[in-house]
C-alpha atoms as a PDB file:
ATOM      1  CA  UNK A   1       0.000   0.000   0.000  1.00  0.00           C
ATOM      2  CA  UNK A   2       1.233   3.432  -0.879  1.00  0.00           C
ATOM      3  CA  UNK A   3       1.114   5.943   1.930  1.00  0.00           C
ATOM      4  CA  UNK A   4       0.953   9.632   1.229  1.00  0.00           C
ATOM      5  CA  UNK A   5       1.808  12.543   3.460  1.00  0.00           C
ATOM      6  CA  UNK A   6      -0.963  14.447   5.172  1.00  0.00           C
ATOM      7  CA  UNK A   7      -1.131  18.224   4.990  1.00  0.00           C
ATOM      8  CA  UNK A   8      -0.101  18.524   8.638  1.00  0.00           C
ATOM      9  CA  UNK A   9       3.017  16.450   8.020  1.00  0.00           C
ATOM     10  CA  UNK A  10       3.939  18.534   4.981  1.00  0.00           C
ATOM     11  CA  UNK A  11       3.423  21.716   6.979  1.00  0.00           C
ATOM     12  CA  UNK A  12       5.618  20.408   9.822  1.00  0.00           C
ATOM     13  CA  UNK A  13       8.372  19.328   7.419  1.00  0.00           C
ATOM     14  CA  UNK A  14       8.307  22.704   5.723  1.00  0.00           C
ATOM     15  CA  UNK A  15       8.599  24.483   9.078  1.00  0.00           C
ATOM     16  CA  UNK A  16      11.618  22.337   9.913  1.00  0.00           C
ATOM     17  CA  UNK A  17      13.175  23.246   6.563  1.00  0.00           C
ATOM     18  CA  UNK A  18      12.453  26.943   7.182  1.00  0.00           C
ATOM     19  CA  UNK A  19      14.425  26.742  10.423  1.00  0.00           C
ATOM     20  CA  UNK A  20      17.221  24.833   8.684  1.00  0.00           C
ATOM     21  CA  UNK A  21      17.297  27.454   5.917  1.00  0.00           C
ATOM     22  CA  UNK A  22      17.588  30.268   8.458  1.00  0.00           C
ATOM     23  CA  UNK A  23      20.423  28.461  10.254  1.00  0.00           C
ATOM     24  CA  UNK A  24      22.247  27.805   6.972  1.00  0.00           C
ATOM     25  CA  UNK A  25      21.822  31.462   6.016  1.00  0.00           C
ATOM     26  CA  UNK A  26      23.179  32.653   9.358  1.00  0.00           C
ATOM     27  CA  UNK A  27      26.214  30.384   9.213  1.00  0.00           C
ATOM     28  CA  UNK A  28      27.368  31.800   5.897  1.00  0.00           C
ATOM     29  CA  UNK A  29      25.780  29.978   2.960  1.00  0.00           C
ATOM     30  CA  UNK A  30      23.390  32.811   2.152  1.00  0.00           C
ATOM     31  CA  UNK A  31      22.293  31.607  -1.275  1.00  0.00           C
ATOM     32  CA  UNK A  32      21.571  28.056  -0.145  1.00  0.00           C
ATOM     33  CA  UNK A  33      19.757  29.263   2.966  1.00  0.00           C
ATOM     34  CA  UNK A  34      17.624  31.709   0.989  1.00  0.00           C
ATOM     35  CA  UNK A  35      16.652  29.144  -1.635  1.00  0.00           C
ATOM     36  CA  UNK A  36      15.768  26.567   1.011  1.00  0.00           C
ATOM     37  CA  UNK A  37      13.851  29.176   2.995  1.00  0.00           C
ATOM     38  CA  UNK A  38      11.832  30.383   0.011  1.00  0.00           C
ATOM     39  CA  UNK A  39      10.906  26.892  -1.202  1.00  0.00           C
ATOM     40  CA  UNK A  40       9.923  25.586   2.219  1.00  0.00           C
ATOM     41  CA  UNK A  41       7.988  28.756   3.071  1.00  0.00           C
ATOM     42  CA  UNK A  42       6.083  28.356  -0.209  1.00  0.00           C
ATOM     43  CA  UNK A  43       5.176  24.790   0.736  1.00  0.00           C
ATOM     44  CA  UNK A  44       4.022  25.989   4.155  1.00  0.00           C
ATOM     45  CA  UNK A  45       1.900  28.764   2.627  1.00  0.00           C
ATOM     46  CA  UNK A  46       0.215  26.416   0.163  1.00  0.00           C
ATOM     47  CA  UNK A  47      -0.611  23.800   2.816  1.00  0.00           C
ATOM     48  CA  UNK A  48      -1.911  26.437   5.215  1.00  0.00           C
ATOM     49  CA  UNK A  49      -4.070  27.973   2.486  1.00  0.00           C
ATOM     50  CA  UNK A  50      -5.537  24.605   1.510  1.00  0.00           C
ATOM     51  CA  UNK A  51      -6.557  23.921   5.125  1.00  0.00           C
ATOM     52  CA  UNK A  52      -8.402  27.201   5.597  1.00  0.00           C
ATOM     53  CA  UNK A  53     -12.158  27.205   5.442  1.00  0.00           C
ATOM     54  CA  UNK A  54     -12.518  30.785   4.210  1.00  0.00           C
ATOM     55  CA  UNK A  55     -10.170  31.251   1.261  1.00  0.00           C
ATOM     56  CA  UNK A  56      -9.114  34.726   0.239  1.00  0.00           C
ATOM     57  CA  UNK A  57      -6.767  34.929  -2.730  1.00  0.00           C
ATOM     58  CA  UNK A  58      -4.603  37.654  -1.211  1.00  0.00           C
ATOM     59  CA  UNK A  59      -3.609  35.272   1.592  1.00  0.00           C
ATOM     60  CA  UNK A  60      -2.054  33.004  -1.028  1.00  0.00           C
ATOM     61  CA  UNK A  61      -0.797  35.411  -3.658  1.00  0.00           C
ATOM     62  CA  UNK A  62       1.046  37.965  -1.502  1.00  0.00           C
ATOM     63  CA  UNK A  63       3.150  35.499   0.541  1.00  0.00           C
ATOM     64  CA  UNK A  64       3.939  33.493  -2.597  1.00  0.00           C
ATOM     65  CA  UNK A  65       5.106  36.652  -4.366  1.00  0.00           C
ATOM     66  CA  UNK A  66       7.386  37.406  -1.423  1.00  0.00           C
ATOM     67  CA  UNK A  67       8.830  33.867  -1.620  1.00  0.00           C
ATOM     68  CA  UNK A  68       9.320  34.150  -5.376  1.00  0.00           C
ATOM     69  CA  UNK A  69      11.117  37.467  -4.975  1.00  0.00           C
ATOM     70  CA  UNK A  70      13.347  35.975  -2.250  1.00  0.00           C
ATOM     71  CA  UNK A  71      14.153  33.073  -4.555  1.00  0.00           C
ATOM     72  CA  UNK A  72      15.015  35.445  -7.402  1.00  0.00           C
ATOM     73  CA  UNK A  73      17.131  37.590  -5.102  1.00  0.00           C
ATOM     74  CA  UNK A  74      18.994  34.526  -3.858  1.00  0.00           C
ATOM     75  CA  UNK A  75      19.822  33.465  -7.396  1.00  0.00           C
ATOM     76  CA  UNK A  76      21.018  36.931  -8.367  1.00  0.00           C
ATOM     77  CA  UNK A  77      23.343  37.433  -5.402  1.00  0.00           C
ATOM     78  CA  UNK A  78      26.912  38.001  -6.558  1.00  0.00           C
ATOM     79  CA  UNK A  79      29.621  36.010  -4.784  1.00  0.00           C
ATOM     80  CA  UNK A  80      27.272  34.399  -2.287  1.00  0.00           C
ATOM     81  CA  UNK A  81      29.016  31.805  -0.193  1.00  0.00           C
END
């Protein structure tokens, strides 16, 4: 039998990866930390939005745009270690 992850498990894993991304960013690997942070925050936002009963589009679009801009900024950083 194939088991799939529940939304709560995905949300918890993404929170763990957010913390790991922040720690990696603090220790010096800014680009890697920012990419990991933006991807895991996006996963957290999507799972949180799908669990809400009242869905407003701004609660999904605005945080995702912030994550996309962080991802783009991380890729464009010169000499990031």
